[in-house]
Each structure stands twice: as structure tokens, then as C-alpha cells.
């Protein structure tokens, strides 16, 4: 069976990450090695760029600059929040057909995997030979089958270091601090707030994730417990926390029901949830110095603390996309699988096994009370942060005996 000859088209979708360009560079440089590839195109603004034929010729980009772009956070090809339906994907397929695209690579999360699946089905229905590969990425770490997803380790490193910094600040000037972290359905990123703990009294003292039901009464009890024990309290909260009916606390507190392009209630974009939780603590517990912050976009593409493990794996899933599609004439989704402690291998699974599915934190990663992570989660996550995580130190000098204030 002769191999397909034609162009490669690659695009990036959804939220940017600190390492998504590593996947781009890895896929492009590997694809350019194959004689069957006539050109490598990139689509600007994701799938929207494909249907608008906003394409760039990456065959003419230098290898050196591609490597530099790979080390730069955010989406070099730009992105989109468009969620293609079947008709949209047929338009994608038409453009691919017109430009003799035989290999389609899409770097993205759950919705992107579904897009690749639909485009692949459209090409098969039309009898047009094309190999479609989904390259994984998401800071939510919620792609099924994957042990973890490129983008999450670097975002987790940022969240862990941010909360370590909050903890240092809060220890100097005690009070209640509430930090809101991205995560609608999965708590992996919020759980990462606990990875910077070093001393027994370090925060966050509680971590609330969307996998557990949020109780305002239990929340207030937890805050009081920490204040009584430590004289201060730091809390990490997922934006997706909800009550026993599944209603997001953001909606319950504010009544806001604005929806994004994917039909989801808008949970981010403001500091409202943190402010509302801070108000509850102030009003119900009568505490002073209660503050809240929302970590926001900085979680996704922060330049200063990228995981070297994440960079390597993101590059390699891009390479594997080209190898599976061009070298082995296959279609599917690249997955990362943990081997031993710690190594990974990469496998290709059917697109339908990944498409539009969501992974959540397993029970063994969540404390029974639902307000913290377990040592199993820490053991799972720590190797992914890579090298360069800063340590913290405290003064050990003994106190001087009082003379006047005995």
C-alpha cells in the first residue's frame, strides 16, 4: 500500500498553554522530514482560520525559529473558541480537499478531539484519503485515557508557586485568603495549589474541587478550624464548585447565567466568586482581613515557571503525531501513558475514545471530607512539575528572654 502524498495542515484550538508551541514545533519539524509531505501549512485562529483559508506556509519557516517559538508560551498560530458542528466540519474538510491536505493535526482539548473525529468521519464518507491526528493539550488535565495532558504540568507549577507565595505573605500578615483557580468540572489544577506545601502549617489549608459538593456551612467550619489552629487560613477554590443540586456556586451567589460559546455558564472573567466567598466569611464569622484573588489567565501561559518535563512531552506528542500519521499511515489521538516512576510512552487510540469526553479527579486523589487532596495526588503530580521548584526557609534563631514583659 503506497503512502499518501500531500500537504500537512496543523492548527491550535482552545485556551493557550505554556507549552502548546512545543507540540507545534515538534509536529512541523518531524513532518518536514518525510518525502510524502509536499508542504506543511498552519491555520491561523484554529478551525476558523481553516474555513477562512487563513493559512501560513510553515515549510518556509526556519528550524531554528521553530525551536524558539516552541519555547514561547501561548498559541503561535493563534486560537479560537469556535465549537464546530457537523456542517462546520464539512467546511473544514472542503478546504483540506481544495488544498490537497492529506494530514490534519489539531492541537487541543476535549472539543478539539471531537472536531478531529468529525472531520475524519467526513473525509471517510467522501472517500477522500486523509489522516487526522488529535494532539493533546489542556491546562484542565481532563482528557480521558491520558495519564496527564501537556499544558497542565506547567499551569500546575504556576498555581503551586502562586499559593506558596500567598502562604508566605499570609504568614507574615495573618488573615483569611481565598484563591480562585480555573477548573469547571475537573479539580486537577486547583489541587496543584497544595504542591507547594513544605512546613506543617503551610497553606492552602483547604482545597475545594468541583468533584465534591460544596457546602457553605462546612466551608465556614473549615475556615474557623484553621483560624483556631493556625491563626490564619488559606483556601484554594475551583471556579466550578457547586451545590448538591449541581448548581455552580457562582450562579447561586450571583444569579448570573451568561453562557460562553460552548453553552457553558460563564464562571471566569471576573473576581466575583472570590469576593462572594470572602463576604460570606466576613459576615458570618465576623473576621477581619479577609481577601480573595482570582488567578485568571496567568495560569495558562505564564512565562516564568514552565515545567521542563511538560516542554519535553509536549514536543514529543507533536513528533508522534507526524510519525503515526505519515510514517505509519494511522489516524487517532495521541495519549501519554505513565511507565514506572517516572517515565512515559505514547500510544495512539481511536478518536471516538477521546472525543468530547471529560476526565475528573479520581476518588483516591480527594480527601474523604472533600476539602483537600491526598498524598496520592501529590505523588502523582510532583514529578510533572520538573526541576527548578523553589524551596522555602524559615528563621531558626531562638527567642530572647523577656525582661520587661514577663
Protein backbone atom coordinates (compact mmCIF):
# COMPACT_ATOMS: atom_id res chain seq x y z
CA UNK A 1 0.00 0.00 0.00
CA UNK A 2 1.51 3.33 -1.10
CA UNK A 3 1.68 6.15 1.39
CA UNK A 4 -0.38 9.31 1.00
CA UNK A 5 1.37 12.23 -0.68
CA UNK A 6 0.17 15.75 0.02
CA UNK A 7 0.18 18.59 2.50
CA UNK A 8 0.09 18.66 6.28
CA UNK A 9 -2.26 21.15 7.97
CA UNK A 10 -1.85 21.92 11.66
CA UNK A 11 -3.96 24.16 13.92
CA UNK A 12 -4.22 25.03 17.61
CA UNK A 13 -7.55 25.34 19.42
CA UNK A 14 -9.00 26.38 22.76
CA UNK A 15 -7.14 28.03 25.61
CA UNK A 16 -3.40 28.63 25.13
CA UNK A 17 -0.85 26.88 27.33
CA UNK A 18 2.79 27.41 28.23
CA UNK A 19 3.89 24.50 26.01
CA UNK A 20 1.39 24.23 23.15
CA UNK A 21 4.00 25.62 20.75
CA UNK A 22 6.33 22.75 21.61
CA UNK A 23 3.73 20.44 20.07
CA UNK A 24 3.52 22.69 17.02
CA UNK A 25 7.29 22.76 16.54
CA UNK A 26 7.67 19.03 17.17
CA UNK A 27 4.97 18.15 14.63
CA UNK A 28 6.19 20.56 11.95
CA UNK A 29 9.87 19.64 12.15
CA UNK A 30 9.10 15.91 12.17
CA UNK A 31 6.61 16.20 9.28
CA UNK A 32 9.14 18.07 7.13
CA UNK A 33 11.42 15.00 7.20
CA UNK A 34 9.03 12.89 5.13
CA UNK A 35 9.25 12.75 1.34
CA UNK A 36 5.47 12.26 1.13
CA UNK A 37 4.87 15.74 2.57
CA UNK A 38 4.77 18.45 -0.11
CA UNK A 39 4.08 21.37 2.26
CA UNK A 40 3.30 21.99 5.92
CA UNK A 41 0.60 24.61 6.46
CA UNK A 42 -0.56 26.24 9.67
CA UNK A 43 -4.07 27.63 10.17
CA UNK A 44 -4.36 30.99 11.92
CA UNK A 45 -7.06 31.18 14.61
CA UNK A 46 -7.70 27.45 14.74
CA UNK A 47 -10.53 25.89 12.79
CA UNK A 48 -11.93 29.32 11.96
CA UNK A 49 -8.72 30.00 10.07
CA UNK A 50 -9.19 26.81 8.11
CA UNK A 51 -12.65 27.65 6.81
CA UNK A 52 -11.49 31.21 6.04
CA UNK A 53 -8.35 29.85 4.33
CA UNK A 54 -6.10 31.91 6.61
CA UNK A 55 -3.09 29.65 6.17
CA UNK A 56 0.66 30.13 6.51
CA UNK A 57 3.38 28.02 4.89
CA UNK A 58 5.43 26.57 7.73
CA UNK A 59 7.63 24.74 5.24
CA UNK A 60 9.36 28.10 4.78
CA UNK A 61 9.92 28.70 8.49
CA UNK A 62 13.47 28.08 9.72
CA UNK A 63 14.09 25.16 12.05
CA UNK A 64 15.90 27.44 14.48
CA UNK A 65 12.99 29.86 14.76
CA UNK A 66 10.53 26.99 15.16
CA UNK A 67 12.55 25.80 18.14
CA UNK A 68 12.48 29.30 19.65
CA UNK A 69 8.72 29.54 19.07
CA UNK A 70 8.36 26.15 20.74
CA UNK A 71 9.83 27.58 23.94
CA UNK A 72 7.43 30.54 23.88
CA UNK A 73 4.09 30.20 25.73
CA UNK A 74 0.67 30.78 24.13
CA UNK A 75 -0.56 29.73 20.69
CA UNK A 76 1.77 30.87 17.92
CA UNK A 77 -0.90 30.12 15.32
CA UNK A 78 -3.49 31.92 17.48
CA UNK A 79 -6.65 30.14 18.57
CA UNK A 80 -10.43 30.09 18.60
CA UNK A 81 -13.31 29.13 20.87
CA UNK A 82 -15.45 28.02 17.93
CA UNK A 83 -17.11 24.67 18.59
CA UNK A 84 -17.65 23.11 15.17
CA UNK A 85 -20.77 21.11 14.42
CA UNK A 86 -21.08 18.62 11.57
CA UNK A 87 -21.73 21.32 8.94
CA UNK A 88 -18.76 23.39 10.17
CA UNK A 89 -16.52 20.33 9.95
CA UNK A 90 -17.67 19.65 6.41
CA UNK A 91 -16.39 23.13 5.50
CA UNK A 92 -13.08 22.27 7.15
CA UNK A 93 -12.94 19.13 5.06
CA UNK A 94 -13.69 21.07 1.85
CA UNK A 95 -10.73 23.39 2.46
CA UNK A 96 -8.49 20.42 3.17
CA UNK A 97 -9.60 18.81 -0.07
CA UNK A 98 -9.08 22.01 -2.10
CA UNK A 99 -5.51 22.42 -0.78
CA UNK A 100 -4.62 18.73 -1.13
CA UNK A 101 -4.25 18.34 2.63
CA UNK A 102 -3.73 14.66 3.42
CA UNK A 103 -2.65 15.02 7.05
CA UNK A 104 -4.61 17.10 9.55
CA UNK A 105 -3.19 17.71 13.03
CA UNK A 106 -5.19 19.62 15.64
CA UNK A 107 -3.64 20.53 18.99
CA UNK A 108 -6.36 20.91 21.60
CA UNK A 109 -8.56 19.53 24.35
CA UNK A 110 -11.93 17.77 24.54
CA UNK A 111 -13.78 19.82 21.94
CA UNK A 112 -10.79 19.78 19.60
CA UNK A 113 -10.66 16.00 19.73
CA UNK A 114 -14.33 15.91 18.76
CA UNK A 115 -13.62 18.24 15.83
CA UNK A 116 -10.87 15.91 14.58
CA UNK A 117 -13.24 12.96 14.91
CA UNK A 118 -15.99 14.67 12.88
CA UNK A 119 -13.56 15.83 10.16
CA UNK A 120 -12.16 12.32 9.93
CA UNK A 121 -15.65 10.85 9.53
CA UNK A 122 -16.46 13.44 6.84
CA UNK A 123 -13.34 12.54 4.87
CA UNK A 124 -14.18 8.83 5.05
CA UNK A 125 -17.75 9.48 3.92
CA UNK A 126 -16.45 11.42 0.91
CA UNK A 127 -13.93 8.73 0.04
CA UNK A 128 -11.07 11.21 0.45
CA UNK A 129 -7.93 9.71 1.94
CA UNK A 130 -6.75 11.83 4.87
CA UNK A 131 -5.09 11.01 8.18
CA UNK A 132 -6.35 13.01 11.16
CA UNK A 133 -4.48 13.24 14.45
CA UNK A 134 -5.57 14.89 17.68
CA UNK A 135 -2.57 16.21 19.65
CA UNK A 136 -3.50 16.58 23.34
CA UNK A 137 -3.29 19.81 25.36
CA UNK A 138 -5.28 21.40 28.16
CA UNK A 139 -4.49 23.04 31.49
CA UNK A 140 -7.51 21.24 32.95
CA UNK A 141 -5.83 17.81 32.62
CA UNK A 142 -9.23 16.34 31.78
CA UNK A 143 -8.61 14.22 28.67
CA UNK A 144 -9.60 10.62 29.27
CA UNK A 145 -7.13 7.73 28.87
CA UNK A 146 -4.16 10.11 29.23
CA UNK A 147 -2.20 9.89 32.48
CA UNK A 148 -1.87 13.67 32.16
CA UNK A 149 -2.11 16.26 29.44
CA UNK A 150 0.53 18.69 28.11
CA UNK A 151 -0.10 22.18 29.45
CA UNK A 152 -1.33 21.06 32.84
CA UNK A 153 2.09 20.44 34.46
CA UNK A 154 3.25 24.00 33.70
CA UNK A 155 -0.05 25.50 34.82
CA UNK A 156 0.12 23.33 37.95
CA UNK A 157 3.63 24.59 38.63
CA UNK A 158 2.39 28.18 38.37
CA UNK A 159 -0.55 27.52 40.72
CA UNK A 160 1.68 25.70 43.23
CA UNK A 161 4.21 28.56 43.25
CA UNK A 162 1.49 31.20 43.43
CA UNK A 163 -0.06 29.59 46.51
CA UNK A 164 3.38 29.11 48.06
CA UNK A 165 3.79 32.86 47.68
CA UNK A 166 0.34 33.56 49.10
CA UNK A 167 1.28 31.37 52.05
CA UNK A 168 4.46 33.34 52.73
CA UNK A 169 2.53 36.61 52.60
CA UNK A 170 -0.28 35.30 54.78
CA UNK A 171 2.14 34.02 57.42
CA UNK A 172 3.66 37.49 57.75
CA UNK A 173 0.30 39.26 57.94
CA UNK A 174 -2.27 36.65 59.02
CA UNK A 175 -5.86 36.59 57.87
CA UNK A 176 -8.11 34.63 55.52
CA UNK A 177 -7.08 34.35 51.88
CA UNK A 178 -9.21 32.72 49.16
CA UNK A 179 -7.69 31.98 45.74
CA UNK A 180 -9.90 31.06 42.78
CA UNK A 181 -8.39 28.65 40.25
CA UNK A 182 -9.55 27.55 36.77
CA UNK A 183 -11.49 24.29 36.52
CA UNK A 184 -15.14 23.83 35.59
CA UNK A 185 -15.52 20.06 36.03
CA UNK A 186 -12.05 18.79 36.98
CA UNK A 187 -10.07 19.83 40.05
CA UNK A 188 -6.57 18.88 38.93
CA UNK A 189 -5.41 22.47 38.57
CA UNK A 190 -6.94 23.60 41.86
CA UNK A 191 -5.42 20.57 43.58
CA UNK A 192 -1.99 21.74 42.39
CA UNK A 193 -2.23 24.57 44.94
CA UNK A 194 -1.22 22.00 47.57
CA UNK A 195 2.03 21.03 45.83
CA UNK A 196 3.99 23.93 47.31
CA UNK A 197 3.41 22.96 50.94
CA UNK A 198 6.65 22.45 52.85
CA UNK A 199 6.01 23.06 56.57
CA UNK A 200 3.16 21.53 58.61
CA UNK A 201 1.28 24.82 58.91
CA UNK A 202 1.65 25.82 55.25
CA UNK A 203 -1.42 26.64 53.19
CA UNK A 204 -3.57 26.10 51.40
CA UNK A 205 -5.22 24.66 54.45
CA UNK A 206 -8.23 23.60 52.38
CA UNK A 207 -8.76 22.82 48.69
CA UNK A 208 -12.27 22.77 47.20
CA UNK A 209 -12.72 21.00 43.87
CA UNK A 210 -15.75 20.52 41.58
CA UNK A 211 -15.72 16.74 42.11
CA UNK A 212 -17.11 17.31 45.64
CA UNK A 213 -20.32 19.03 46.69
CA UNK A 214 -19.64 22.46 48.19
CA UNK A 215 -21.36 23.23 51.49
CA UNK A 216 -21.32 26.79 52.77
CA UNK A 217 -21.71 25.57 56.34
CA UNK A 218 -18.76 23.18 56.03
CA UNK A 219 -16.73 25.93 54.35
CA UNK A 220 -17.30 28.25 57.30
CA UNK A 221 -16.48 25.46 59.77
CA UNK A 222 -13.23 24.78 57.91
CA UNK A 223 -12.24 28.45 57.98
CA UNK A 224 -12.92 28.68 61.71
CA UNK A 225 -10.95 25.47 62.36
CA UNK A 226 -7.89 26.78 60.53
CA UNK A 227 -8.11 30.17 62.26
CA UNK A 228 -8.31 28.49 65.65
CA UNK A 229 -5.36 26.19 64.86
CA UNK A 230 -3.01 28.47 62.90
CA UNK A 231 -4.36 31.97 63.42
CA UNK A 232 -4.73 32.23 59.65
CA UNK A 233 -6.36 30.41 56.73
CA UNK A 234 -5.55 29.97 53.04
CA UNK A 235 -8.07 28.33 50.73
CA UNK A 236 -7.85 27.18 47.08
CA UNK A 237 -11.21 27.07 45.32
CA UNK A 238 -12.10 25.81 41.86
CA UNK A 239 -14.27 28.13 39.80
CA UNK A 240 -16.54 25.12 39.17
CA UNK A 241 -17.61 24.38 42.76
CA UNK A 242 -21.31 23.59 43.01
CA UNK A 243 -24.03 22.69 45.49
CA UNK A 244 -25.77 19.34 45.94
CA UNK A 245 -28.12 20.11 43.03
CA UNK A 246 -25.19 20.74 40.68
CA UNK A 247 -25.78 24.47 40.57
CA UNK A 248 -22.47 26.35 40.31
CA UNK A 249 -21.88 28.47 43.40
CA UNK A 250 -21.09 31.36 41.06
CA UNK A 251 -24.68 31.17 39.80
CA UNK A 252 -26.14 30.55 43.25
CA UNK A 253 -24.38 33.54 44.78
CA UNK A 254 -24.84 35.98 41.92
CA UNK A 255 -27.73 34.74 39.81
CA UNK A 256 -25.61 35.28 36.69
CA UNK A 257 -26.37 32.83 33.87
CA UNK A 258 -24.36 34.22 30.95
CA UNK A 259 -23.10 31.43 28.72
CA UNK A 260 -19.94 31.08 26.63
CA UNK A 261 -19.62 29.90 23.04
CA UNK A 262 -19.86 26.28 24.16
CA UNK A 263 -23.11 26.76 26.06
CA UNK A 264 -21.45 26.65 29.48
CA UNK A 265 -22.36 29.13 32.21
CA UNK A 266 -19.63 31.77 32.36
CA UNK A 267 -17.66 31.11 35.53
CA UNK A 268 -14.48 33.08 34.90
CA UNK A 269 -13.69 36.56 33.69
CA UNK A 270 -14.25 38.34 36.99
CA UNK A 271 -13.37 38.09 40.66
CA UNK A 272 -16.99 37.65 41.65
CA UNK A 273 -16.80 34.15 43.18
CA UNK A 274 -13.84 35.02 45.38
CA UNK A 275 -15.46 38.27 46.51
CA UNK A 276 -18.70 36.46 47.35
CA UNK A 277 -16.92 33.80 49.41
CA UNK A 278 -14.92 36.50 51.20
CA UNK A 279 -18.14 38.33 52.01
CA UNK A 280 -19.66 35.15 53.45
CA UNK A 281 -16.64 34.71 55.76
CA UNK A 282 -16.69 38.35 56.83
CA UNK A 283 -20.40 38.44 57.53
CA UNK A 284 -20.87 35.02 59.12
CA UNK A 285 -17.62 34.67 61.09
CA UNK A 286 -17.10 38.39 61.79
CA UNK A 287 -13.45 38.12 60.79
CA UNK A 288 -11.26 40.98 59.63
CA UNK A 289 -8.58 40.90 56.95
CA UNK A 290 -10.39 38.57 54.57
CA UNK A 291 -9.10 38.78 50.99
CA UNK A 292 -9.71 36.97 47.70
CA UNK A 293 -7.87 36.81 44.37
CA UNK A 294 -8.67 35.14 41.04
CA UNK A 295 -5.57 33.73 39.36
CA UNK A 296 -7.01 34.34 35.86
CA UNK A 297 -5.23 33.95 32.52
CA UNK A 298 -1.77 33.91 34.11
CA UNK A 299 -2.32 30.23 34.90
CA UNK A 300 -2.23 29.24 31.25
CA UNK A 301 0.72 30.98 29.61
CA UNK A 302 2.93 32.34 32.39
CA UNK A 303 6.46 32.80 31.08
CA UNK A 304 8.42 32.41 34.29
CA UNK A 305 7.82 28.86 35.54
CA UNK A 306 7.40 26.38 32.69
CA UNK A 307 7.93 22.72 33.56
CA UNK A 308 10.83 21.18 31.63
CA UNK A 309 9.04 17.82 31.80
CA UNK A 310 5.98 19.45 30.23
CA UNK A 311 8.08 21.03 27.47
CA UNK A 312 9.67 17.73 26.53
CA UNK A 313 6.42 15.78 26.47
CA UNK A 314 4.57 18.47 24.55
CA UNK A 315 7.28 18.37 21.87
CA UNK A 316 7.17 14.60 21.72
CA UNK A 317 3.39 14.31 21.28
CA UNK A 318 3.79 16.62 18.27
CA UNK A 319 6.56 14.41 16.89
CA UNK A 320 4.47 11.30 17.46
CA UNK A 321 1.56 12.84 15.54
CA UNK A 322 3.72 13.04 12.41
CA UNK A 323 5.18 9.58 12.98
CA UNK A 324 1.82 7.88 13.45
CA UNK A 325 0.09 9.70 10.58
CA UNK A 326 2.82 9.89 7.95
CA UNK A 327 5.19 7.14 8.98
CA UNK A 328 2.57 4.58 9.98
CA UNK A 329 -0.48 5.74 7.96
CA UNK A 330 -2.73 5.96 11.03
CA UNK A 331 -5.48 8.20 12.42
CA UNK A 332 -6.28 8.79 16.09
CA UNK A 333 -5.46 10.68 19.27
CA UNK A 334 -2.03 10.69 20.90
CA UNK A 335 -2.10 9.65 24.56
CA UNK A 336 0.50 9.91 27.34
CA UNK A 337 0.92 6.82 29.49
CA UNK A 338 2.98 6.65 32.70
CA UNK A 339 5.57 3.92 32.97
CA UNK A 340 7.27 3.21 36.29
CA UNK A 341 8.38 6.16 38.37
CA UNK A 342 8.83 8.29 36.32
CA UNK A 343 8.73 7.74 32.53
CA UNK A 344 6.11 7.87 29.77
CA UNK A 345 5.31 6.29 26.47
CA UNK A 346 2.96 7.47 23.73
CA UNK A 347 0.14 5.49 22.20
CA UNK A 348 -2.46 6.16 19.55
CA UNK A 349 -6.11 5.49 20.41
CA UNK A 350 -9.25 5.78 18.33
CA UNK A 351 -10.63 9.32 18.15
CA UNK A 352 -14.03 8.16 19.40
CA UNK A 353 -12.40 7.02 22.65
CA UNK A 354 -11.28 10.59 23.45
CA UNK A 355 -13.70 12.87 21.62
CA UNK A 356 -15.89 15.11 23.82
CA UNK A 357 -15.23 13.07 26.98
CA UNK A 358 -14.11 14.57 30.30
CA UNK A 359 -11.85 13.05 32.96
CA UNK A 360 -12.25 14.17 36.57
CA UNK A 361 -10.13 13.70 39.68
CA UNK A 362 -10.32 10.06 40.89
CA UNK A 363 -11.58 9.46 44.40
CA UNK A 364 -8.15 8.42 45.67
CA UNK A 365 -6.85 11.93 44.92
CA UNK A 366 -9.52 13.66 47.05
CA UNK A 367 -9.67 13.67 50.86
CA UNK A 368 -12.80 11.98 52.27
CA UNK A 369 -14.14 15.32 53.54
CA UNK A 370 -13.86 16.73 50.01
CA UNK A 371 -11.82 19.72 51.15
CA UNK A 372 -8.24 18.71 50.28
CA UNK A 373 -6.08 16.49 48.09
CA UNK A 374 -4.45 13.26 49.30
CA UNK A 375 -0.80 12.16 49.37
CA UNK A 376 -1.61 10.01 46.31
CA UNK A 377 -2.34 13.15 44.30
CA UNK A 378 0.90 14.77 45.45
CA UNK A 379 2.85 11.66 44.47
CA UNK A 380 1.13 11.67 41.06
CA UNK A 381 1.71 15.35 40.35
CA UNK A 382 5.14 16.17 41.80
CA UNK A 383 7.25 14.52 39.04
CA UNK A 384 5.43 16.56 36.40
CA UNK A 385 6.48 19.93 37.82
CA UNK A 386 10.04 19.27 36.68
CA UNK A 387 13.15 20.93 38.01
CA UNK A 388 13.56 24.37 39.50
CA UNK A 389 10.77 24.47 42.06
CA UNK A 390 11.97 26.98 44.68
CA UNK A 391 12.39 25.93 48.29
CA UNK A 392 11.30 27.98 51.30
CA UNK A 393 13.22 28.55 54.51
CA UNK A 394 12.40 29.92 57.94
CA UNK A 395 14.48 31.55 60.62
CA UNK A 396 15.57 29.13 63.35
CA UNK A 397 17.08 31.61 65.80
CA UNK A 398 15.90 31.11 69.43
CA UNK A 399 13.76 33.70 71.17
CA UNK A 400 15.39 36.08 73.63
CA UNK A 401 14.05 36.00 77.18
CA UNK A 402 11.77 38.90 78.07
CA UNK A 403 12.85 41.37 80.72
CA UNK A 404 10.05 43.95 80.90
CA UNK A 405 7.10 41.92 79.58
CA UNK A 406 7.42 38.78 81.73
